[in-house]
Amino acid sequence: MYVAFEGIDCVGKSTQISLLKKVYKEAVFTLEPGGTNLGKSLRDILLHQNLNLKKRAEVLLFLADRAQHYEEIISPNKDKLIISDRSFISGMAYAVDFDDELLFLLNSFALDNFFPKKIIFLKANADLIKQRLGEKKLDIIEQRGIEYFLNVQKKLENILLFLQNKIQIEILKLDASKTIEELHLKIKEFLQ
């Protein structure tokens, strides 16, 4: 089963995934971008090198990573539990200026029409985002600010609704301001 954690930066995805590593020791854990060698290079380009990428080029780099990630990580492990920090859903949401239908078609191509079965969506309010962003050194995307993240989060929610008419997918939506333990318990229940 392919499971993806979704949510904007600083909502606690990494924390929850690290807890699941102790529970699901046989699972394949991965992330987008960065789950492959190509992904690590693209992640560095996208998040740390100020190349003034145009929006279309940025989308295509994320799609290149997704296609490579599918071939190297997802496809060979379809018979296992795969838990991913982000998926194509984030790719669609962060591409805020492009049409959902076009993005879905491009991502379908990159993923050979293989999608997560379960999505865990962590949602944060503006105060929580502001607090957590203030506690870290910001990458290029994080430097876009709170309003940008709130727009992406809204688009994430809209994409999840859009996808329910396209693919079979179960979604668990959680308030990221809840305690780590509360969230972990609800996530474990959802995965069983």
Protein backbone atom coordinates (compact mmCIF):
# COMPACT_ATOMS: atom_id res chain seq x y z
CA MET A 1 0.00 0.00 0.00
CA TYR A 2 1.27 3.42 -1.02
CA VAL A 3 0.65 6.12 1.62
CA ALA A 4 1.57 9.80 1.35
CA PHE A 5 1.82 12.52 3.94
CA GLU A 6 0.69 15.89 2.63
CA GLY A 7 0.77 19.38 4.03
CA ILE A 8 2.75 22.56 3.72
CA ASP A 9 6.16 23.03 5.30
CA CYS A 10 6.38 22.89 9.10
CA VAL A 11 3.14 20.99 9.81
CA GLY A 12 4.88 17.97 11.36
CA LYS A 13 5.02 15.46 8.52
CA SER A 14 8.65 14.51 9.24
CA THR A 15 7.94 14.10 12.95
CA GLN A 16 5.04 11.75 12.31
CA ILE A 17 6.97 9.76 9.70
CA SER A 18 9.87 9.30 12.10
CA LEU A 19 7.43 7.83 14.65
CA LEU A 20 6.02 5.45 12.04
CA LYS A 21 9.52 4.16 11.28
CA LYS A 22 9.49 2.60 14.76
CA VAL A 23 6.10 0.96 14.12
CA TYR A 24 6.49 -0.19 10.51
CA LYS A 25 10.05 -1.44 10.43
CA GLU A 26 9.57 -3.31 7.12
CA ALA A 27 8.03 -0.34 5.30
CA VAL A 28 9.77 1.62 2.57
CA PHE A 29 10.13 5.26 3.65
CA THR A 30 10.79 7.91 1.04
CA LEU A 31 10.30 11.58 0.21
CA GLU A 32 9.59 13.88 -2.71
CA PRO A 33 11.72 15.52 -3.87
CA GLY A 34 14.86 13.78 -2.70
CA GLY A 35 14.09 10.07 -2.59
CA THR A 36 16.54 9.29 -5.40
CA ASN A 37 19.97 10.58 -6.42
CA LEU A 38 18.34 12.70 -9.10
CA GLY A 39 15.81 13.88 -6.53
CA LYS A 40 18.56 14.95 -4.12
CA SER A 41 20.18 17.04 -6.84
CA LEU A 42 16.86 18.55 -7.91
CA ARG A 43 15.92 19.22 -4.28
CA ASP A 44 19.14 21.19 -3.88
CA ILE A 45 18.43 23.15 -7.07
CA LEU A 46 14.81 23.84 -6.12
CA LEU A 47 15.29 24.68 -2.46
CA HIS A 48 18.80 26.09 -2.09
CA GLN A 49 20.14 27.48 -5.37
CA ASN A 50 18.75 30.82 -6.36
CA LEU A 51 18.56 30.24 -10.11
CA ASN A 52 15.43 32.38 -10.58
CA LEU A 53 13.63 29.42 -12.10
CA LYS A 54 10.52 30.23 -14.06
CA LYS A 55 7.32 28.59 -12.81
CA ARG A 56 6.99 26.20 -15.75
CA ALA A 57 10.62 25.06 -15.37
CA GLU A 58 10.06 24.50 -11.63
CA VAL A 59 7.00 22.32 -12.31
CA LEU A 60 8.91 20.28 -14.90
CA LEU A 61 11.83 19.69 -12.51
CA PHE A 62 9.41 18.38 -9.87
CA LEU A 63 7.84 16.14 -12.51
CA ALA A 64 11.26 14.80 -13.54
CA ASP A 65 11.93 13.93 -9.91
CA ARG A 66 8.51 12.28 -9.59
CA ALA A 67 9.03 10.11 -12.69
CA GLN A 68 12.46 8.97 -11.47
CA HIS A 69 11.09 8.39 -7.97
CA TYR A 70 8.31 6.25 -9.35
CA GLU A 71 10.71 4.09 -11.39
CA GLU A 72 13.33 3.68 -8.64
CA ILE A 73 11.29 3.58 -5.42
CA ILE A 74 7.55 3.17 -5.92
CA SER A 75 7.29 0.67 -8.78
CA PRO A 76 9.78 -1.92 -7.40
CA ASN A 77 8.08 -1.82 -3.97
CA LYS A 78 4.38 -1.96 -4.90
CA ASP A 79 3.96 -5.13 -2.84
CA LYS A 80 5.21 -3.37 0.34
CA LEU A 81 3.98 -0.57 2.57
CA ILE A 82 5.43 2.64 1.11
CA ILE A 83 5.24 5.78 3.24
CA SER A 84 6.19 8.98 1.46
CA ASP A 85 6.81 12.48 2.75
CA ARG A 86 4.82 14.22 0.01
CA SER A 87 3.60 13.02 -3.36
CA PHE A 88 2.20 14.35 -6.62
CA ILE A 89 -0.52 16.11 -4.59
CA SER A 90 2.03 18.56 -3.21
CA GLY A 91 3.43 18.90 -6.70
CA MET A 92 0.03 19.99 -7.91
CA ALA A 93 -0.59 22.31 -4.97
CA TYR A 94 2.73 24.11 -5.12
CA ALA A 95 2.15 24.73 -8.83
CA VAL A 96 -0.49 27.27 -7.82
CA ASP A 97 -0.56 29.05 -11.20
CA PHE A 98 -1.40 26.03 -13.35
CA ASP A 99 -4.62 24.22 -14.23
CA ASP A 100 -5.47 21.20 -12.07
CA GLU A 101 -6.53 19.06 -15.03
CA LEU A 102 -3.22 19.69 -16.83
CA LEU A 103 -1.23 19.00 -13.66
CA PHE A 104 -3.15 15.79 -13.05
CA LEU A 105 -2.40 14.57 -16.59
CA LEU A 106 1.30 15.39 -16.28
CA ASN A 107 1.53 13.68 -12.89
CA SER A 108 -0.41 10.66 -14.17
CA PHE A 109 2.22 10.32 -16.89
CA ALA A 110 5.10 10.70 -14.40
CA LEU A 111 3.56 8.06 -12.10
CA ASP A 112 2.44 5.64 -14.80
CA ASN A 113 -1.07 6.11 -13.33
CA PHE A 114 -0.07 4.64 -9.95
CA PHE A 115 -1.32 6.80 -7.07
CA PRO A 116 -1.26 6.66 -3.26
CA LYS A 117 -4.16 4.73 -1.72
CA LYS A 118 -4.16 6.72 1.51
CA ILE A 119 -3.34 10.37 2.16
CA ILE A 120 -2.62 11.88 5.56
CA PHE A 121 -3.17 15.63 5.28
CA LEU A 122 -1.86 17.78 8.12
CA LYS A 123 -3.40 21.25 8.14
CA ALA A 124 -2.05 24.22 10.11
CA ASN A 125 -3.36 27.66 10.95
CA ALA A 126 -1.42 30.86 10.17
CA ASP A 127 -0.11 31.25 13.74
CA LEU A 128 1.36 27.74 13.81
CA ILE A 129 2.99 28.22 10.40
CA LYS A 130 4.46 31.57 11.44
CA GLN A 131 5.79 30.13 14.69
CA ARG A 132 7.41 27.08 13.08
CA LEU A 133 8.90 29.00 10.14
CA GLY A 134 10.39 31.41 12.66
CA GLU A 135 12.24 28.53 14.33
CA LYS A 136 14.31 27.49 11.31
CA LYS A 137 16.56 28.68 8.51
CA LEU A 138 14.30 29.12 5.49
CA ASP A 139 14.90 27.57 2.07
CA ILE A 140 13.94 29.36 -1.16
CA ILE A 141 10.34 28.13 -1.13
CA GLU A 142 9.87 28.85 2.59
CA GLN A 143 11.08 32.41 1.98
CA ARG A 144 7.92 33.02 -0.07
CA GLY A 145 6.12 33.67 3.21
CA ILE A 146 2.99 32.87 5.19
CA GLU A 147 0.46 34.04 2.59
CA TYR A 148 2.09 31.82 -0.01
CA PHE A 149 1.84 28.81 2.31
CA LEU A 150 -1.78 29.54 3.19
CA ASN A 151 -2.58 29.68 -0.55
CA VAL A 152 -0.77 26.39 -1.13
CA GLN A 153 -2.61 24.80 1.80
CA LYS A 154 -5.95 25.94 0.38
CA LYS A 155 -4.97 24.53 -3.01
CA LEU A 156 -3.97 21.24 -1.30
CA GLU A 157 -7.49 20.98 0.13
CA ASN A 158 -9.05 21.78 -3.25
CA ILE A 159 -6.88 19.21 -5.01
CA LEU A 160 -7.87 16.52 -2.53
CA LEU A 161 -11.52 17.25 -3.39
CA PHE A 162 -10.69 17.27 -7.11
CA LEU A 163 -8.91 13.91 -6.83
CA GLN A 164 -11.81 12.16 -5.12
CA ASN A 165 -13.58 12.28 -8.49
CA LYS A 166 -10.50 10.99 -10.34
CA ILE A 167 -8.92 8.19 -8.31
CA GLN A 168 -9.73 5.90 -5.41
CA ILE A 169 -8.13 7.49 -2.40
CA GLU A 170 -8.76 7.58 1.35
CA ILE A 171 -7.97 10.85 3.09
CA LEU A 172 -7.32 11.53 6.76
CA LYS A 173 -7.36 15.27 7.50
CA LEU A 174 -5.74 16.28 10.79
CA ASP A 175 -5.25 19.51 12.70
CA ALA A 176 -1.46 19.96 12.88
CA SER A 177 -1.77 21.91 16.15
CA LYS A 178 -2.79 18.76 18.05
CA THR A 179 -0.15 17.01 20.15
CA ILE A 180 2.37 14.72 18.48
CA GLU A 181 0.91 11.79 20.41
CA GLU A 182 -2.71 12.53 19.39
CA LEU A 183 -1.74 12.77 15.75
CA HIS A 184 0.36 9.61 15.89
CA LEU A 185 -2.52 7.61 17.37
CA LYS A 186 -4.99 8.78 14.70
CA ILE A 187 -2.48 8.06 11.93
CA LYS A 188 -1.79 4.53 13.21
CA GLU A 189 -5.55 3.83 13.35
CA PHE A 190 -5.96 5.09 9.79
CA LEU A 191 -3.15 2.87 8.49
CA GLN A 192 -4.49 -0.33 10.05
